[in-house]
Protein backbone atom coordinates (compact mmCIF):
# COMPACT_ATOMS: atom_id res chain seq x y z
CA MET A 1 105.34 95.84 122.70
CA ASP A 2 106.95 93.20 124.88
CA SER A 3 109.57 91.26 122.92
CA GLU A 4 108.12 88.05 124.34
CA MET A 5 104.64 88.85 123.06
CA ARG A 6 103.61 87.03 119.89
CA PRO A 7 101.03 88.34 117.39
CA ALA A 8 98.55 85.74 118.64
CA ASP A 9 98.99 87.06 122.20
CA LEU A 10 98.39 90.61 121.03
CA LYS A 11 95.27 89.59 119.14
CA GLU A 12 93.85 88.04 122.30
CA LYS A 13 94.23 91.39 124.09
CA MET A 14 92.49 93.37 121.34
CA PRO A 15 88.78 94.19 121.53
CA PRO A 16 86.63 91.85 119.41
CA GLY A 17 86.69 92.69 115.72
CA GLN A 18 89.82 94.85 115.90
CA ASP A 19 92.91 93.89 113.91
CA PRO A 20 96.23 93.89 115.84
CA ALA A 21 97.77 95.89 112.98
CA GLY A 22 95.41 98.66 113.94
CA PRO A 23 94.32 101.55 111.79
CA TYR A 24 97.70 101.75 110.11
CA PHE A 25 97.39 98.54 108.09
CA ASP A 26 95.67 100.20 105.12
CA GLN A 27 98.19 103.06 105.16
CA ILE A 28 101.10 100.61 105.19
CA ARG A 29 99.58 98.65 102.33
CA GLN A 30 99.09 101.87 100.33
CA LEU A 31 102.68 102.97 100.97
CA ALA A 32 103.95 99.58 99.79
CA SER A 33 101.84 99.89 96.64
CA ASP A 34 103.12 103.42 96.01
CA ALA A 35 106.71 102.24 96.49
CA GLY A 36 106.15 99.47 93.95
CA GLN A 37 104.75 101.96 91.45
CA LEU A 38 107.69 104.31 91.98
CA GLU A 39 110.13 101.45 91.44
CA HIS A 40 108.37 100.54 88.19
CA LEU A 41 108.52 104.16 87.00
CA TYR A 42 112.18 104.47 88.00
CA ARG A 43 113.11 101.33 86.08
CA GLY A 44 111.36 102.71 83.02
CA ALA A 45 113.19 106.02 83.39
CA ALA A 46 116.50 104.21 83.85
CA ALA A 47 115.88 102.15 80.72
CA ALA A 48 115.27 105.40 78.82
CA GLY A 49 118.45 106.95 80.23
CA GLU A 50 116.51 109.38 82.44
CA ALA A 51 117.25 107.93 85.89
CA GLU A 52 118.99 111.07 87.21
CA ALA A 53 116.18 113.33 85.98
CA PHE A 54 113.67 111.03 87.69
CA ARG A 55 115.60 111.18 90.99
CA GLN A 56 115.76 114.97 90.80
CA ALA A 57 112.03 115.20 90.10
CA ILE A 58 111.29 113.04 93.16
CA LYS A 59 113.57 115.16 95.36
CA ALA A 60 111.89 118.34 94.13
CA SER A 61 108.39 117.10 94.93
């Protein structure tokens, strides 16, 4: 994408009804949600003294 192009410019070039974020928007939103859930679980594990075990379980999966 041209560095001079703004999101509004991109939207004007898109076919009607298509979001400039494209088909990846839902996937990005889901990844952000998953990351938030993992952070919550990690904080709980850290509070219970199990942070290292949690990290190892994530690496193994």
